[in-house]
Protein backbone atom coordinates (compact mmCIF):
# COMPACT_ATOMS: atom_id res chain seq x y z
CA UNK A 1 8.40 -60.10 12.07
CA UNK A 2 10.21 -56.77 11.86
CA UNK A 3 8.46 -55.55 8.72
CA UNK A 4 8.12 -51.80 8.42
CA UNK A 5 4.60 -50.56 7.96
CA UNK A 6 4.33 -47.73 5.49
CA UNK A 7 1.67 -45.09 5.62
CA UNK A 8 -0.18 -45.05 2.27
CA UNK A 9 -1.63 -41.63 3.13
CA UNK A 10 1.76 -40.02 3.78
CA UNK A 11 2.66 -39.76 0.10
CA UNK A 12 -0.73 -38.35 -0.81
CA UNK A 13 -0.39 -35.57 1.75
CA UNK A 14 2.99 -34.57 0.30
CA UNK A 15 1.44 -34.41 -3.17
CA UNK A 16 -1.45 -32.42 -1.81
CA UNK A 17 0.92 -29.95 -0.12
CA UNK A 18 2.86 -29.53 -3.37
CA UNK A 19 -0.40 -28.89 -5.20
CA UNK A 20 -1.47 -26.28 -2.64
CA UNK A 21 1.91 -24.56 -2.91
CA UNK A 22 1.62 -24.46 -6.69
CA UNK A 23 -1.87 -22.98 -6.47
CA UNK A 24 -0.69 -20.33 -4.01
CA UNK A 25 2.27 -19.48 -6.24
CA UNK A 26 0.01 -19.02 -9.26
CA UNK A 27 -2.36 -16.83 -7.24
CA UNK A 28 0.53 -14.62 -6.09
CA UNK A 29 1.89 -14.36 -9.64
CA UNK A 30 -1.51 -13.35 -11.00
CA UNK A 31 -1.94 -10.79 -8.22
CA UNK A 32 1.38 -9.14 -9.08
CA UNK A 33 0.59 -9.21 -12.80
CA UNK A 34 -2.78 -7.55 -12.16
CA UNK A 35 -1.13 -4.87 -10.04
CA UNK A 36 1.34 -4.19 -12.86
CA UNK A 37 -1.46 -3.83 -15.41
CA UNK A 38 -3.28 -1.37 -13.15
CA UNK A 39 -0.06 0.57 -12.51
CA UNK A 40 0.58 0.89 -16.24
CA UNK A 41 -3.02 1.88 -16.92
CA UNK A 42 -3.13 4.50 -14.15
CA UNK A 43 0.38 5.93 -13.63
CA UNK A 44 0.98 8.01 -10.52
CA UNK A 45 1.57 11.72 -10.60
CA UNK A 46 3.98 12.34 -7.68
CA UNK A 47 3.17 16.06 -7.44
CA UNK A 48 -0.55 15.41 -7.31
CA UNK A 49 -0.12 12.62 -4.75
CA UNK A 50 1.99 14.87 -2.51
CA UNK A 51 -0.62 17.62 -2.73
CA UNK A 52 -3.40 15.21 -1.72
CA UNK A 53 -1.36 13.95 1.25
CA UNK A 54 -0.62 17.47 2.44
CA UNK A 55 -4.26 18.50 2.10
CA UNK A 56 -5.44 15.44 4.00
CA UNK A 57 -2.92 15.99 6.79
CA UNK A 58 -3.99 19.61 7.23
CA UNK A 59 -7.54 18.56 8.18
CA UNK A 60 -8.14 18.42 11.95
CA UNK A 61 -10.75 15.69 11.46
CA UNK A 62 -8.07 13.35 10.18
CA UNK A 63 -6.07 13.67 13.39
CA UNK A 64 -9.17 13.39 15.57
CA UNK A 65 -10.33 10.29 13.75
CA UNK A 66 -6.97 8.64 14.30
CA UNK A 67 -7.27 8.76 18.08
CA UNK A 68 -10.90 7.72 18.25
CA UNK A 69 -10.43 4.74 15.94
CA UNK A 70 -7.99 2.93 18.23
CA UNK A 71 -9.20 1.69 21.60
CA UNK A 72 -7.32 0.14 24.49
CA UNK A 73 -8.56 -3.32 23.44
CA UNK A 74 -7.06 -2.84 19.96
CA UNK A 75 -3.62 -2.25 21.43
CA UNK A 76 -3.58 -5.59 23.26
């Protein structure tokens, strides 16, 4: 009378979780590989990037836009 009842769905959910993890791993691997291809195709020029940052930071509209984009509700 003390027979253990096994859940036939318990094993399937573990397999399903393993499958979902494998899918997520493959997606992450492909995302990194795509980023590497893009990085090789379009290498960065550090001098040019620094110049663009400095030009953008010298614009008053950039600073003004920063304060108007965040509201009190966004902080909470």
